[in-house]
C-alpha atoms as a PDB file:
ATOM      1  CA  UNK A   1      99.301  46.044  94.501  1.00  0.00           C
ATOM      2  CA  UNK A   2      95.846  46.003  93.206  1.00  0.00           C
ATOM      3  CA  UNK A   3      93.902  47.331  95.331  1.00  0.00           C
ATOM      4  CA  UNK A   4      96.268  50.203  95.568  1.00  0.00           C
ATOM      5  CA  UNK A   5      96.109  51.014  92.291  1.00  0.00           C
ATOM      6  CA  UNK A   6      92.231  51.286  92.519  1.00  0.00           C
ATOM      7  CA  UNK A   7      92.873  52.960  95.524  1.00  0.00           C
ATOM      8  CA  UNK A   8      94.889  55.962  94.079  1.00  0.00           C
ATOM      9  CA  UNK A   9      92.514  55.963  90.540  1.00  0.00           C
ATOM     10  CA  UNK A  10      89.917  56.869  93.361  1.00  0.00           C
ATOM     11  CA  UNK A  11      92.193  59.905  95.449  1.00  0.00           C
ATOM     12  CA  UNK A  12      90.513  62.854  94.289  1.00  0.00           C
ATOM     13  CA  UNK A  13      87.546  61.405  95.934  1.00  0.00           C
ATOM     14  CA  UNK A  14      88.837  60.575  99.385  1.00  0.00           C
ATOM     15  CA  UNK A  15      89.277  62.573 102.505  1.00  0.00           C
ATOM     16  CA  UNK A  16      91.859  63.703 103.769  1.00  0.00           C
ATOM     17  CA  UNK A  17      92.531  61.642 106.026  1.00  0.00           C
ATOM     18  CA  UNK A  18      91.874  58.505 104.014  1.00  0.00           C
ATOM     19  CA  UNK A  19      94.155  60.355 101.364  1.00  0.00           C
ATOM     20  CA  UNK A  20      97.129  60.169 104.663  1.00  0.00           C
ATOM     21  CA  UNK A  21      95.879  56.619 105.726  1.00  0.00           C
ATOM     22  CA  UNK A  22      96.364  55.263 101.985  1.00  0.00           C
ATOM     23  CA  UNK A  23      99.766  57.604 101.864  1.00  0.00           C
ATOM     24  CA  UNK A  24     101.239  55.610 105.048  1.00  0.00           C
ATOM     25  CA  UNK A  25      99.831  52.673 103.734  1.00  0.00           C
ATOM     26  CA  UNK A  26     102.199  53.026 101.154  1.00  0.00           C
ATOM     27  CA  UNK A  27     105.240  54.570 103.315  1.00  0.00           C
ATOM     28  CA  UNK A  28     105.001  51.614 105.283  1.00  0.00           C
ATOM     29  CA  UNK A  29     106.277  49.124 102.494  1.00  0.00           C
ATOM     30  CA  UNK A  30     108.928  50.609 101.798  1.00  0.00           C
ATOM     31  CA  UNK A  31     110.320  51.441 104.961  1.00  0.00           C
ATOM     32  CA  UNK A  32     112.780  49.657 107.057  1.00  0.00           C
ATOM     33  CA  UNK A  33     114.675  48.023 104.698  1.00  0.00           C
ATOM     34  CA  UNK A  34     118.289  47.825 105.015  1.00  0.00           C
ATOM     35  CA  UNK A  35     120.074  49.505 102.467  1.00  0.00           C
ATOM     36  CA  UNK A  36     122.464  46.880 101.220  1.00  0.00           C
ATOM     37  CA  UNK A  37     122.985  48.855  97.927  1.00  0.00           C
ATOM     38  CA  UNK A  38     124.106  51.795  99.722  1.00  0.00           C
ATOM     39  CA  UNK A  39     126.575  50.418 101.953  1.00  0.00           C
ATOM     40  CA  UNK A  40     128.538  48.850  99.438  1.00  0.00           C
ATOM     41  CA  UNK A  41     128.405  51.977  97.512  1.00  0.00           C
ATOM     42  CA  UNK A  42     130.046  54.173 100.254  1.00  0.00           C
ATOM     43  CA  UNK A  43     132.647  51.617 100.655  1.00  0.00           C
ATOM     44  CA  UNK A  44     133.204  50.883  97.164  1.00  0.00           C
ATOM     45  CA  UNK A  45     133.274  54.174  96.124  1.00  0.00           C
ATOM     46  CA  UNK A  46     135.835  55.421  99.028  1.00  0.00           C
ATOM     47  CA  UNK A  47     138.235  52.334  98.149  1.00  0.00           C
ATOM     48  CA  UNK A  48     137.934  53.180  94.273  1.00  0.00           C
ATOM     49  CA  UNK A  49     139.067  56.758  95.250  1.00  0.00           C
ATOM     50  CA  UNK A  50     141.754  56.123  97.268  1.00  0.00           C
ATOM     51  CA  UNK A  51     143.101  53.675  95.122  1.00  0.00           C
ATOM     52  CA  UNK A  52     143.990  56.117  92.104  1.00  0.00           C
ATOM     53  CA  UNK A  53     146.116  57.989  94.399  1.00  0.00           C
ATOM     54  CA  UNK A  54     148.830  55.049  94.753  1.00  0.00           C
ATOM     55  CA  UNK A  55     147.775  53.697  91.419  1.00  0.00           C
ATOM     56  CA  UNK A  56     148.588  57.341  89.461  1.00  0.00           C
ATOM     57  CA  UNK A  57     151.852  57.410  91.821  1.00  0.00           C
ATOM     58  CA  UNK A  58     152.816  54.728  90.550  1.00  0.00           C
ATOM     59  CA  UNK A  59     152.651  55.203  87.088  1.00  0.00           C
ATOM     60  CA  UNK A  60     149.966  52.248  86.517  1.00  0.00           C
ATOM     61  CA  UNK A  61     147.079  54.588  86.037  1.00  0.00           C
ATOM     62  CA  UNK A  62     146.648  57.738  83.539  1.00  0.00           C
ATOM     63  CA  UNK A  63     146.213  61.068  85.142  1.00  0.00           C
ATOM     64  CA  UNK A  64     143.842  61.934  82.066  1.00  0.00           C
ATOM     65  CA  UNK A  65     141.536  58.554  83.372  1.00  0.00           C
ATOM     66  CA  UNK A  66     142.114  58.639  87.120  1.00  0.00           C
ATOM     67  CA  UNK A  67     140.652  62.843  86.920  1.00  0.00           C
ATOM     68  CA  UNK A  68     137.062  61.720  85.760  1.00  0.00           C
ATOM     69  CA  UNK A  69     137.037  58.767  88.076  1.00  0.00           C
ATOM     70  CA  UNK A  70     137.648  61.254  90.883  1.00  0.00           C
ATOM     71  CA  UNK A  71     134.897  63.559  90.076  1.00  0.00           C
ATOM     72  CA  UNK A  72     132.250  60.688  89.884  1.00  0.00           C
ATOM     73  CA  UNK A  73     133.830  59.388  93.223  1.00  0.00           C
ATOM     74  CA  UNK A  74     133.319  63.051  94.855  1.00  0.00           C
ATOM     75  CA  UNK A  75     129.812  63.236  93.459  1.00  0.00           C
ATOM     76  CA  UNK A  76     128.895  59.869  94.450  1.00  0.00           C
ATOM     77  CA  UNK A  77     130.398  60.171  98.035  1.00  0.00           C
ATOM     78  CA  UNK A  78     127.254  62.157  99.711  1.00  0.00           C
ATOM     79  CA  UNK A  79     124.355  59.745  99.502  1.00  0.00           C
ATOM     80  CA  UNK A  80     125.732  57.027 101.597  1.00  0.00           C
ATOM     81  CA  UNK A  81     126.122  59.608 104.535  1.00  0.00           C
ATOM     82  CA  UNK A  82     122.555  60.753 103.525  1.00  0.00           C
ATOM     83  CA  UNK A  83     121.180  57.451 103.971  1.00  0.00           C
ATOM     84  CA  UNK A  84     123.420  57.281 107.478  1.00  0.00           C
ATOM     85  CA  UNK A  85     122.212  60.774 108.590  1.00  0.00           C
ATOM     86  CA  UNK A  86     118.447  59.447 108.341  1.00  0.00           C
ATOM     87  CA  UNK A  87     119.537  56.261 110.452  1.00  0.00           C
ATOM     88  CA  UNK A  88     118.396  54.057 107.691  1.00  0.00           C
ATOM     89  CA  UNK A  89     121.136  51.597 107.844  1.00  0.00           C
ATOM     90  CA  UNK A  90     120.346  51.753 111.409  1.00  0.00           C
ATOM     91  CA  UNK A  91     119.080  53.347 114.386  1.00  0.00           C
ATOM     92  CA  UNK A  92     120.214  54.231 117.182  1.00  0.00           C
ATOM     93  CA  UNK A  93     120.788  51.530 120.242  1.00  0.00           C
ATOM     94  CA  UNK A  94     120.861  48.828 117.348  1.00  0.00           C
ATOM     95  CA  UNK A  95     123.433  46.239 116.871  1.00  0.00           C
ATOM     96  CA  UNK A  96     124.423  47.825 113.264  1.00  0.00           C
ATOM     97  CA  UNK A  97     124.263  51.629 114.484  1.00  0.00           C
ATOM     98  CA  UNK A  98     128.501  51.357 114.452  1.00  0.00           C
ATOM     99  CA  UNK A  99     127.723  50.502 110.510  1.00  0.00           C
ATOM    100  CA  UNK A 100     125.343  53.431 109.994  1.00  0.00           C
ATOM    101  CA  UNK A 101     128.051  56.171 112.042  1.00  0.00           C
ATOM    102  CA  UNK A 102     130.643  54.154 109.882  1.00  0.00           C
ATOM    103  CA  UNK A 103     128.925  54.992 106.723  1.00  0.00           C
ATOM    104  CA  UNK A 104     128.054  58.264 107.464  1.00  0.00           C
ATOM    105  CA  UNK A 105     131.863  59.477 108.619  1.00  0.00           C
ATOM    106  CA  UNK A 106     133.893  57.966 106.181  1.00  0.00           C
ATOM    107  CA  UNK A 107     131.335  58.171 103.065  1.00  0.00           C
ATOM    108  CA  UNK A 108     131.825  61.755 102.688  1.00  0.00           C
ATOM    109  CA  UNK A 109     135.877  62.093 103.084  1.00  0.00           C
ATOM    110  CA  UNK A 110     136.226  62.456  99.356  1.00  0.00           C
ATOM    111  CA  UNK A 111     133.834  65.175  99.697  1.00  0.00           C
ATOM    112  CA  UNK A 112     135.337  66.933 102.890  1.00  0.00           C
ATOM    113  CA  UNK A 113     132.297  67.134 104.496  1.00  0.00           C
ATOM    114  CA  UNK A 114     132.527  66.531 108.093  1.00  0.00           C
ATOM    115  CA  UNK A 115     129.323  63.776 108.976  1.00  0.00           C
ATOM    116  CA  UNK A 116     128.256  65.626 112.250  1.00  0.00           C
ATOM    117  CA  UNK A 117     127.806  69.170 109.801  1.00  0.00           C
ATOM    118  CA  UNK A 118     126.051  67.146 107.712  1.00  0.00           C
ATOM    119  CA  UNK A 119     123.920  65.602 109.777  1.00  0.00           C
ATOM    120  CA  UNK A 120     122.605  68.918 111.725  1.00  0.00           C
ATOM    121  CA  UNK A 121     122.299  71.296 109.072  1.00  0.00           C
ATOM    122  CA  UNK A 122     120.209  68.245 106.788  1.00  0.00           C
ATOM    123  CA  UNK A 123     118.379  67.751 109.285  1.00  0.00           C
ATOM    124  CA  UNK A 124     117.337  71.796 109.542  1.00  0.00           C
ATOM    125  CA  UNK A 125     116.586  71.759 105.870  1.00  0.00           C
ATOM    126  CA  UNK A 126     114.154  69.549 106.357  1.00  0.00           C
ATOM    127  CA  UNK A 127     112.565  71.262 108.829  1.00  0.00           C
ATOM    128  CA  UNK A 128     112.918  74.575 106.993  1.00  0.00           C
ATOM    129  CA  UNK A 129     112.916  73.762 103.490  1.00  0.00           C
ATOM    130  CA  UNK A 130     112.785  76.506 101.563  1.00  0.00           C
ATOM    131  CA  UNK A 131     112.763  79.542 104.436  1.00  0.00           C
ATOM    132  CA  UNK A 132     115.368  82.003 103.180  1.00  0.00           C
ATOM    133  CA  UNK A 133     116.016  82.804 106.687  1.00  0.00           C
ATOM    134  CA  UNK A 134     116.229  79.310 108.453  1.00  0.00           C
ATOM    135  CA  UNK A 135     116.763  76.766 105.435  1.00  0.00           C
ATOM    136  CA  UNK A 136     120.798  76.236 104.935  1.00  0.00           C
ATOM    137  CA  UNK A 137     120.591  75.189 101.577  1.00  0.00           C
ATOM    138  CA  UNK A 138     118.433  78.341 100.497  1.00  0.00           C
ATOM    139  CA  UNK A 139     121.549  79.652  98.692  1.00  0.00           C
ATOM    140  CA  UNK A 140     121.244  77.529  96.351  1.00  0.00           C
ATOM    141  CA  UNK A 141     117.951  79.106  94.947  1.00  0.00           C
ATOM    142  CA  UNK A 142     117.992  80.498  91.621  1.00  0.00           C
ATOM    143  CA  UNK A 143     115.422  81.173  88.668  1.00  0.00           C
ATOM    144  CA  UNK A 144     117.237  78.931  85.523  1.00  0.00           C
ATOM    145  CA  UNK A 145     119.598  75.946  85.998  1.00  0.00           C
ATOM    146  CA  UNK A 146     122.505  78.250  84.853  1.00  0.00           C
ATOM    147  CA  UNK A 147     122.154  80.521  88.139  1.00  0.00           C
ATOM    148  CA  UNK A 148     121.872  77.115  90.115  1.00  0.00           C
ATOM    149  CA  UNK A 149     125.770  76.255  88.876  1.00  0.00           C
ATOM    150  CA  UNK A 150     126.538  79.536  89.240  1.00  0.00           C
ATOM    151  CA  UNK A 151     125.219  80.437  92.800  1.00  0.00           C
ATOM    152  CA  UNK A 152     126.793  76.944  93.841  1.00  0.00           C
ATOM    153  CA  UNK A 153     130.145  78.429  92.541  1.00  0.00           C
ATOM    154  CA  UNK A 154     129.668  81.930  94.245  1.00  0.00           C
ATOM    155  CA  UNK A 155     128.715  80.518  97.359  1.00  0.00           C
ATOM    156  CA  UNK A 156     131.807  78.966  97.843  1.00  0.00           C
ATOM    157  CA  UNK A 157     134.330  81.991  97.412  1.00  0.00           C
ATOM    158  CA  UNK A 158     135.790  83.694 100.100  1.00  0.00           C
ATOM    159  CA  UNK A 159     133.806  86.302 102.156  1.00  0.00           C
ATOM    160  CA  UNK A 160     130.210  84.459 100.733  1.00  0.00           C
ATOM    161  CA  UNK A 161     127.381  84.134 103.341  1.00  0.00           C
ATOM    162  CA  UNK A 162     128.738  80.283 105.502  1.00  0.00           C
ATOM    163  CA  UNK A 163     124.604  79.419 106.264  1.00  0.00           C
ATOM    164  CA  UNK A 164     125.914  75.751 107.381  1.00  0.00           C
ATOM    165  CA  UNK A 165     128.504  77.736 109.800  1.00  0.00           C
ATOM    166  CA  UNK A 166     125.436  80.203 110.642  1.00  0.00           C
ATOM    167  CA  UNK A 167     123.335  77.037 111.259  1.00  0.00           C
ATOM    168  CA  UNK A 168     124.972  75.379 113.807  1.00  0.00           C
ATOM    169  CA  UNK A 169     125.694  78.567 115.814  1.00  0.00           C
ATOM    170  CA  UNK A 170     122.159  79.289 115.946  1.00  0.00           C
ATOM    171  CA  UNK A 171     121.739  75.326 117.292  1.00  0.00           C
ATOM    172  CA  UNK A 172     124.452  76.269 119.746  1.00  0.00           C
ATOM    173  CA  UNK A 173     126.679  73.658 118.094  1.00  0.00           C
ATOM    174  CA  UNK A 174     129.706  75.468 118.216  1.00  0.00           C
ATOM    175  CA  UNK A 175     131.899  71.993 118.832  1.00  0.00           C
ATOM    176  CA  UNK A 176     130.882  70.644 115.327  1.00  0.00           C
ATOM    177  CA  UNK A 177     131.821  73.930 113.629  1.00  0.00           C
ATOM    178  CA  UNK A 178     135.742  72.661 114.695  1.00  0.00           C
ATOM    179  CA  UNK A 179     134.900  69.152 112.863  1.00  0.00           C
ATOM    180  CA  UNK A 180     134.596  71.436 109.958  1.00  0.00           C
ATOM    181  CA  UNK A 181     137.736  73.021 110.368  1.00  0.00           C
ATOM    182  CA  UNK A 182     139.493  70.394 111.600  1.00  0.00           C
ATOM    183  CA  UNK A 183     138.695  68.619 107.691  1.00  0.00           C
ATOM    184  CA  UNK A 184     140.043  72.376 106.291  1.00  0.00           C
ATOM    185  CA  UNK A 185     142.989  72.198 107.607  1.00  0.00           C
ATOM    186  CA  UNK A 186     143.963  68.769 107.233  1.00  0.00           C
ATOM    187  CA  UNK A 187     143.189  69.289 103.331  1.00  0.00           C
ATOM    188  CA  UNK A 188     145.251  71.977 103.027  1.00  0.00           C
ATOM    189  CA  UNK A 189     148.098  70.444 104.580  1.00  0.00           C
ATOM    190  CA  UNK A 190     147.777  67.299 102.476  1.00  0.00           C
ATOM    191  CA  UNK A 191     147.149  69.436  99.466  1.00  0.00           C
ATOM    192  CA  UNK A 192     150.483  71.742 100.299  1.00  0.00           C
ATOM    193  CA  UNK A 193     152.074  68.599 101.465  1.00  0.00           C
ATOM    194  CA  UNK A 194     151.827  67.182  97.471  1.00  0.00           C
ATOM    195  CA  UNK A 195     152.622  70.371  95.970  1.00  0.00           C
ATOM    196  CA  UNK A 196     155.406  70.763  97.945  1.00  0.00           C
ATOM    197  CA  UNK A 197     156.878  67.464  97.004  1.00  0.00           C
ATOM    198  CA  UNK A 198     155.952  68.120  93.113  1.00  0.00           C
ATOM    199  CA  UNK A 199     152.093  66.814  92.967  1.00  0.00           C
ATOM    200  CA  UNK A 200     150.853  69.662  92.791  1.00  0.00           C
ATOM    201  CA  UNK A 201     148.657  68.301  89.457  1.00  0.00           C
ATOM    202  CA  UNK A 202     147.991  65.205  90.896  1.00  0.00           C
ATOM    203  CA  UNK A 203     146.299  67.154  94.056  1.00  0.00           C
ATOM    204  CA  UNK A 204     144.846  69.264  91.665  1.00  0.00           C
ATOM    205  CA  UNK A 205     142.772  66.328  89.827  1.00  0.00           C
ATOM    206  CA  UNK A 206     142.510  64.057  92.132  1.00  0.00           C
ATOM    207  CA  UNK A 207     140.939  66.006  94.988  1.00  0.00           C
ATOM    208  CA  UNK A 208     140.852  69.820  94.535  1.00  0.00           C
ATOM    209  CA  UNK A 209     139.147  70.380  90.822  1.00  0.00           C
ATOM    210  CA  UNK A 210     137.055  66.773  91.590  1.00  0.00           C
ATOM    211  CA  UNK A 211     135.838  68.331  94.921  1.00  0.00           C
ATOM    212  CA  UNK A 212     134.742  71.392  93.459  1.00  0.00           C
ATOM    213  CA  UNK A 213     132.670  69.897  90.305  1.00  0.00           C
ATOM    214  CA  UNK A 214     131.359  67.443  92.432  1.00  0.00           C
ATOM    215  CA  UNK A 215     129.825  69.847  94.874  1.00  0.00           C
ATOM    216  CA  UNK A 216     128.422  71.834  91.734  1.00  0.00           C
ATOM    217  CA  UNK A 217     126.742  68.669  90.418  1.00  0.00           C
ATOM    218  CA  UNK A 218     125.414  67.925  94.465  1.00  0.00           C
ATOM    219  CA  UNK A 219     124.110  70.668  95.040  1.00  0.00           C
ATOM    220  CA  UNK A 220     122.596  71.137  91.398  1.00  0.00           C
ATOM    221  CA  UNK A 221     121.013  67.959  91.513  1.00  0.00           C
ATOM    222  CA  UNK A 222     120.014  67.259  95.707  1.00  0.00           C
ATOM    223  CA  UNK A 223     119.326  70.725  96.538  1.00  0.00           C
ATOM    224  CA  UNK A 224     118.172  72.866  93.308  1.00  0.00           C
ATOM    225  CA  UNK A 225     116.621  70.585  91.137  1.00  0.00           C
ATOM    226  CA  UNK A 226     113.690  69.090  93.486  1.00  0.00           C
ATOM    227  CA  UNK A 227     113.231  72.344  95.223  1.00  0.00           C
ATOM    228  CA  UNK A 228     113.057  75.314  92.605  1.00  0.00           C
ATOM    229  CA  UNK A 229     111.471  77.559  92.327  1.00  0.00           C
ATOM    230  CA  UNK A 230     111.794  76.946  96.018  1.00  0.00           C
ATOM    231  CA  UNK A 231     109.034  79.552  96.887  1.00  0.00           C
ATOM    232  CA  UNK A 232     106.322  77.314  98.855  1.00  0.00           C
ATOM    233  CA  UNK A 233     106.668  76.020 102.436  1.00  0.00           C
ATOM    234  CA  UNK A 234     104.929  72.774 104.157  1.00  0.00           C
ATOM    235  CA  UNK A 235     104.381  69.203 104.024  1.00  0.00           C
ATOM    236  CA  UNK A 236     103.365  68.964 100.253  1.00  0.00           C
ATOM    237  CA  UNK A 237     104.750  72.055  98.981  1.00  0.00           C
ATOM    238  CA  UNK A 238     108.178  72.446  99.461  1.00  0.00           C
ATOM    239  CA  UNK A 239     110.127  70.214  96.827  1.00  0.00           C
ATOM    240  CA  UNK A 240     108.220  68.529  93.881  1.00  0.00           C
ATOM    241  CA  UNK A 241     109.321  65.491  91.227  1.00  0.00           C
ATOM    242  CA  UNK A 242     110.831  66.280  87.885  1.00  0.00           C
ATOM    243  CA  UNK A 243     112.094  64.984  84.745  1.00  0.00           C
ATOM    244  CA  UNK A 244     115.561  65.351  84.356  1.00  0.00           C
ATOM    245  CA  UNK A 245     117.513  64.740  80.979  1.00  0.00           C
ATOM    246  CA  UNK A 246     119.988  62.491  82.582  1.00  0.00           C
ATOM    247  CA  UNK A 247     117.317  60.339  84.018  1.00  0.00           C
ATOM    248  CA  UNK A 248     116.867  59.470  87.666  1.00  0.00           C
ATOM    249  CA  UNK A 249     120.514  57.204  88.088  1.00  0.00           C
ATOM    250  CA  UNK A 250     122.092  60.504  86.245  1.00  0.00           C
ATOM    251  CA  UNK A 251     120.323  62.971  89.060  1.00  0.00           C
ATOM    252  CA  UNK A 252     121.362  60.472  91.573  1.00  0.00           C
ATOM    253  CA  UNK A 253     118.052  59.012  92.420  1.00  0.00           C
ATOM    254  CA  UNK A 254     116.799  63.083  92.851  1.00  0.00           C
ATOM    255  CA  UNK A 255     113.763  62.921  90.355  1.00  0.00           C
ATOM    256  CA  UNK A 256     111.347  61.277  93.331  1.00  0.00           C
ATOM    257  CA  UNK A 257     113.293  63.337  96.338  1.00  0.00           C
ATOM    258  CA  UNK A 258     109.263  64.783  97.194  1.00  0.00           C
ATOM    259  CA  UNK A 259     109.274  60.850  98.466  1.00  0.00           C
ATOM    260  CA  UNK A 260     111.926  61.475 100.783  1.00  0.00           C
ATOM    261  CA  UNK A 261     110.710  64.927 101.992  1.00  0.00           C
ATOM    262  CA  UNK A 262     107.451  63.170 102.947  1.00  0.00           C
ATOM    263  CA  UNK A 263     108.846  59.578 104.562  1.00  0.00           C
ATOM    264  CA  UNK A 264     112.566  60.503 105.321  1.00  0.00           C
ATOM    265  CA  UNK A 265     113.310  56.792 106.404  1.00  0.00           C
ATOM    266  CA  UNK A 266     112.624  55.271 103.277  1.00  0.00           C
ATOM    267  CA  UNK A 267     115.723  53.886 101.550  1.00  0.00           C
ATOM    268  CA  UNK A 268     116.722  56.207  98.243  1.00  0.00           C
ATOM    269  CA  UNK A 269     116.461  53.048  96.359  1.00  0.00           C
ATOM    270  CA  UNK A 270     113.238  52.749  96.775  1.00  0.00           C
ATOM    271  CA  UNK A 271     111.826  55.985  96.026  1.00  0.00           C
ATOM    272  CA  UNK A 272     110.923  55.702  92.409  1.00  0.00           C
ATOM    273  CA  UNK A 273     108.535  52.409  93.223  1.00  0.00           C
ATOM    274  CA  UNK A 274     107.867  54.355  96.289  1.00  0.00           C
ATOM    275  CA  UNK A 275     106.456  57.531  94.108  1.00  0.00           C
ATOM    276  CA  UNK A 276     104.772  55.271  91.431  1.00  0.00           C
ATOM    277  CA  UNK A 277     102.949  53.486  94.187  1.00  0.00           C
ATOM    278  CA  UNK A 278     101.744  56.745  95.773  1.00  0.00           C
ATOM    279  CA  UNK A 279     101.890  59.537  93.049  1.00  0.00           C
ATOM    280  CA  UNK A 280      97.917  60.070  92.531  1.00  0.00           C
ATOM    281  CA  UNK A 281      97.800  60.509  96.363  1.00  0.00           C
ATOM    282  CA  UNK A 282     100.487  63.226  96.037  1.00  0.00           C
ATOM    283  CA  UNK A 283      98.938  64.910  93.099  1.00  0.00           C
ATOM    284  CA  UNK A 284      95.439  64.791  95.164  1.00  0.00           C
ATOM    285  CA  UNK A 285      97.461  66.722  98.133  1.00  0.00           C
ATOM    286  CA  UNK A 286      98.389  69.426  96.015  1.00  0.00           C
ATOM    287  CA  UNK A 287     102.013  68.154  95.070  1.00  0.00           C
ATOM    288  CA  UNK A 288     103.640  69.810  92.072  1.00  0.00           C
ATOM    289  CA  UNK A 289     103.885  66.895  89.711  1.00  0.00           C
ATOM    290  CA  UNK A 290     106.752  67.338  87.106  1.00  0.00           C
ATOM    291  CA  UNK A 291     107.991  64.555  86.027  1.00  0.00           C
ATOM    292  CA  UNK A 292     106.123  64.042  83.125  1.00  0.00           C
END
């Protein structure tokens, strides 16, 4: 570690090839580590959200307590699937591949986001980050935090541009669009059935409204904050580090999202350590370092 520190302190004097070698050496120490925390997170979070329904219906848990828990569950549901999207849990053809796919499919049920839709569009985001025509997450672009929140809400209104659908059509994956249609039909069928049977308030506060809040929170911290102002493209310029008033946990680990774009196979829970080991190298590379 001392050698790595000395190397980073001298990074300004290193050639581009030497910087790349040092960067890769650090990344290798954090890659291919099994993300047990994300696997437990995925199934634990889903189990808690599912348990809210019988607990509320049986009168064992007040709805006013269940509602904020549901909001938290939805907000936390995406990141384990994100690990699966990058095959961090298990690569294709390996013994635990079924677990990777199970986490990917199941963890985002509260968010109502099909795994195949999430994976295909997210890979396109990585390829085309900040490209206004090709990045499916570009509509979250805004000049201010409030603008980002309003953009997230506006993009979910009827008639808003559906960049995820457009991306899937561009990729020739109409089959995956049916995943999203199935999720939407099932969602509204469940909400209608619950409302018809006198549980409209429960449906709204355990799923519909938590999903709206959760989506806004996810899009703010996973899309807008690490890419703002979203004006640059390129490996070292399309994302940044930043300091959140809610800390790294409150921002769902996104303060160091720059590490993820550079080395996507580093598990989420190891990105802070990788960042601080790599920070001076990234600064020498011209990355936007804004955590102070």
